[in-house]
Amino acid sequence: MKIYTKTGDKGKTSLFTGTRVPKHHVRIESYGTIDELNSYLGLLRDQEMDAHSKQTLTQIQEKLFTVGSILATEPNKDNRLKIPRISTGDIEFLEKEMDKMNEALPEMTHFILPGGHTTVSYCHIARTVCRRGERLISYLHENEPVPDNLLSYINRLSDYLFVLARKLSKDLNAKEIKWIPEKLDQ
């Protein structure tokens, strides 16, 4: 099997169903951003961290392939997908993971500047790519419905990545810098 097909040379690509759309179509942007997120999660997982967090990131990466597959399929033809969908259990899994991490973290009283350690920064980059993916999927949803659980999963995933960044800061002894806005005289 050759990697190059030359079928996209004119700026169009195929969805899973064979339908041809422009490469800038919001559906392509949506699953392309999820692919980008998945790559950043791979980079994050390659950093030094506890085994449980690495395992959780691997599970999330596998779910993101499901998300991408759903996004690459028109809603009226999604019966062609022979894979499990994103379930409420997948969303609850992220919530439980966040609850466990939050138990060991100090209360958050201010916004936190991203950074403090390369690993933490990678996590914040993944979080912002996740939010961009969420915005694109939301835009797609306005015109072509996507499953509610899919939107909820991506929303919860960005929250998970924020909490993971805080956990990694703690584990790596990286200082969290609070954002305290300068007060203007009025």
Protein backbone atom coordinates (compact mmCIF):
# COMPACT_ATOMS: atom_id res chain seq x y z
CA MET A 1 0.00 0.00 0.00
CA LYS A 2 1.38 3.38 -0.99
CA ILE A 3 1.00 6.30 1.37
CA TYR A 4 0.54 8.80 -1.41
CA THR A 5 -2.58 8.52 -3.53
CA LYS A 6 -2.47 11.89 -5.34
CA THR A 7 -6.27 12.13 -4.88
CA GLY A 8 -5.84 15.20 -2.67
CA ASP A 9 -3.67 17.15 -5.08
CA LYS A 10 -6.58 19.43 -6.05
CA GLY A 11 -7.42 20.42 -2.45
CA LYS A 12 -10.11 17.84 -1.75
CA THR A 13 -10.14 14.79 0.49
CA SER A 14 -12.49 11.91 1.24
CA LEU A 15 -14.51 11.27 4.35
CA PHE A 16 -14.82 7.66 5.55
CA THR A 17 -17.92 7.29 3.38
CA GLY A 18 -16.08 8.35 0.22
CA THR A 19 -17.73 11.76 0.00
CA ARG A 20 -15.23 14.33 -1.31
CA VAL A 21 -14.98 17.65 0.54
CA PRO A 22 -12.53 20.57 0.49
CA LYS A 23 -9.56 20.09 2.79
CA HIS A 24 -10.57 23.29 4.60
CA HIS A 25 -14.08 21.96 5.41
CA VAL A 26 -14.91 22.38 9.11
CA ARG A 27 -15.30 18.59 9.43
CA ILE A 28 -11.70 18.15 8.23
CA GLU A 29 -10.52 20.99 10.48
CA SER A 30 -12.29 19.30 13.41
CA TYR A 31 -10.75 15.88 13.09
CA GLY A 32 -7.42 17.36 12.01
CA THR A 33 -7.30 19.30 15.26
CA ILE A 34 -8.16 16.14 17.21
CA ASP A 35 -5.26 14.43 15.40
CA GLU A 36 -2.99 17.33 16.40
CA LEU A 37 -4.19 16.97 19.99
CA ASN A 38 -3.47 13.25 19.89
CA SER A 39 0.09 13.99 18.73
CA TYR A 40 0.62 16.44 21.59
CA LEU A 41 -0.69 13.85 24.03
CA GLY A 42 1.90 11.44 22.64
CA LEU A 43 4.61 14.05 23.24
CA LEU A 44 3.29 14.61 26.74
CA ARG A 45 3.18 10.86 27.45
CA ASP A 46 6.84 10.63 26.37
CA GLN A 47 7.83 12.88 29.29
CA GLU A 48 8.75 11.61 32.71
CA MET A 49 5.64 11.12 34.81
CA ASP A 50 3.93 8.47 36.89
CA ALA A 51 2.84 5.25 35.19
CA HIS A 52 -0.87 5.83 35.92
CA SER A 53 -0.88 9.18 34.12
CA LYS A 54 0.90 7.62 31.13
CA GLN A 55 -1.62 4.79 31.02
CA THR A 56 -4.52 7.25 31.24
CA LEU A 57 -3.07 9.32 28.39
CA THR A 58 -2.80 6.17 26.26
CA GLN A 59 -6.47 5.39 26.93
CA ILE A 60 -7.39 8.97 25.97
CA GLN A 61 -5.35 8.73 22.77
CA GLU A 62 -7.28 5.61 21.81
CA LYS A 63 -10.59 7.43 22.46
CA LEU A 64 -9.40 10.31 20.29
CA PHE A 65 -9.10 7.89 17.35
CA THR A 66 -12.76 7.09 17.96
CA VAL A 67 -13.58 10.81 18.04
CA GLY A 68 -11.70 11.34 14.78
CA SER A 69 -13.50 8.44 13.13
CA ILE A 70 -16.88 9.82 14.14
CA LEU A 71 -15.96 13.28 12.89
CA ALA A 72 -14.73 11.82 9.58
CA THR A 73 -18.16 10.28 8.95
CA GLU A 74 -21.30 12.12 7.90
CA PRO A 75 -24.01 11.83 10.57
CA ASN A 76 -26.53 10.28 8.18
CA LYS A 77 -24.03 7.53 7.34
CA ASP A 78 -22.54 6.83 10.77
CA ASN A 79 -24.10 3.36 10.80
CA ARG A 80 -21.13 2.38 8.63
CA LEU A 81 -18.80 2.86 11.62
CA LYS A 82 -18.33 -0.49 13.31
CA ILE A 83 -16.65 0.92 16.43
CA PRO A 84 -17.89 1.80 19.92
CA ARG A 85 -19.01 5.39 20.33
CA ILE A 86 -18.04 7.83 23.06
CA SER A 87 -20.14 6.89 26.07
CA THR A 88 -21.15 8.56 29.31
CA GLY A 89 -18.76 6.09 30.93
CA ASP A 90 -15.87 7.64 28.99
CA ILE A 91 -16.85 11.07 30.30
CA GLU A 92 -17.25 9.76 33.86
CA PHE A 93 -13.79 8.18 33.61
CA LEU A 94 -12.25 11.63 33.02
CA GLU A 95 -14.30 13.11 35.88
CA LYS A 96 -13.12 10.39 38.30
CA GLU A 97 -9.52 10.89 37.24
CA MET A 98 -9.85 14.64 37.86
CA ASP A 99 -11.46 14.07 41.26
CA LYS A 100 -8.57 11.77 42.29
CA MET A 101 -5.93 14.28 41.19
CA ASN A 102 -7.74 17.23 42.78
CA GLU A 103 -7.72 15.54 46.20
CA ALA A 104 -3.95 15.99 46.41
CA LEU A 105 -3.79 19.52 44.97
CA PRO A 106 -3.94 22.82 46.81
CA GLU A 107 -7.10 24.86 46.34
CA MET A 108 -6.94 27.09 43.31
CA THR A 109 -7.61 30.72 44.16
CA HIS A 110 -6.34 32.46 41.00
CA PHE A 111 -5.74 31.78 37.34
CA ILE A 112 -2.36 30.14 36.78
CA LEU A 113 0.17 31.12 34.13
CA PRO A 114 1.05 28.12 31.94
CA GLY A 115 4.62 26.93 32.42
CA GLY A 116 7.04 26.12 35.18
CA HIS A 117 8.41 22.94 33.59
CA THR A 118 8.58 21.65 30.02
CA THR A 119 6.25 18.74 30.81
CA VAL A 120 3.68 21.08 32.34
CA SER A 121 3.95 23.38 29.31
CA TYR A 122 3.31 20.46 26.92
CA CYS A 123 0.21 19.64 28.95
CA HIS A 124 -1.06 23.23 28.65
CA ILE A 125 -0.41 23.22 24.91
CA ALA A 126 -2.45 20.01 24.62
CA ARG A 127 -5.22 21.67 26.67
CA THR A 128 -5.39 24.67 24.35
CA VAL A 129 -5.39 22.46 21.23
CA CYS A 130 -8.23 20.51 22.85
CA ARG A 131 -10.18 23.75 23.36
CA ARG A 132 -9.62 24.70 19.72
CA GLY A 133 -10.90 21.28 18.69
CA GLU A 134 -13.93 21.82 20.89
CA ARG A 135 -14.65 25.17 19.21
CA LEU A 136 -14.39 23.61 15.75
CA ILE A 137 -16.60 20.66 16.69
CA SER A 138 -19.14 23.06 18.17
CA TYR A 139 -19.14 25.03 14.91
CA LEU A 140 -19.56 21.81 12.92
CA HIS A 141 -22.41 20.79 15.24
CA GLU A 142 -24.37 23.93 14.28
CA ASN A 143 -24.68 22.64 10.71
CA GLU A 144 -24.14 18.88 10.94
CA PRO A 145 -24.99 17.34 14.31
CA VAL A 146 -22.35 15.43 16.21
CA PRO A 147 -23.19 13.17 19.14
CA ASP A 148 -23.69 15.06 22.42
CA ASN A 149 -21.33 12.68 24.24
CA LEU A 150 -18.58 13.60 21.80
CA LEU A 151 -18.86 17.31 22.61
CA SER A 152 -19.05 16.56 26.33
CA TYR A 153 -16.00 14.29 26.15
CA ILE A 154 -13.84 16.92 24.47
CA ASN A 155 -15.03 19.57 26.92
CA ARG A 156 -14.21 17.32 29.86
CA LEU A 157 -10.87 16.36 28.33
CA SER A 158 -9.68 19.97 28.32
CA ASP A 159 -10.63 20.18 32.01
CA TYR A 160 -8.74 16.93 32.65
CA LEU A 161 -5.64 18.33 30.95
CA PHE A 162 -5.78 21.45 33.13
CA VAL A 163 -5.94 19.36 36.31
CA LEU A 164 -3.20 17.06 34.99
CA ALA A 165 -0.99 20.12 34.39
CA ARG A 166 -1.51 21.13 38.02
CA LYS A 167 -0.73 17.58 39.20
CA LEU A 168 2.42 17.49 37.08
CA SER A 169 3.47 20.86 38.52
CA LYS A 170 3.16 19.39 42.00
CA ASP A 171 4.92 16.12 41.09
CA LEU A 172 7.78 17.97 39.38
CA ASN A 173 8.09 20.65 42.09
CA ALA A 174 7.34 23.34 39.51
CA LYS A 175 6.08 26.60 40.91
CA GLU A 176 2.58 27.62 39.88
CA ILE A 177 2.60 31.32 39.14
CA LYS A 178 -0.71 32.96 39.95
CA TRP A 179 -2.07 35.59 37.64
CA ILE A 180 -2.90 38.59 39.77
CA PRO A 181 -3.99 41.47 37.54
CA GLU A 182 -2.66 44.90 38.26
CA LYS A 183 -5.32 47.15 39.80
CA LEU A 184 -6.00 50.38 37.97
CA ASP A 185 -6.64 53.58 39.85
CA GLN A 186 -10.12 54.82 39.11
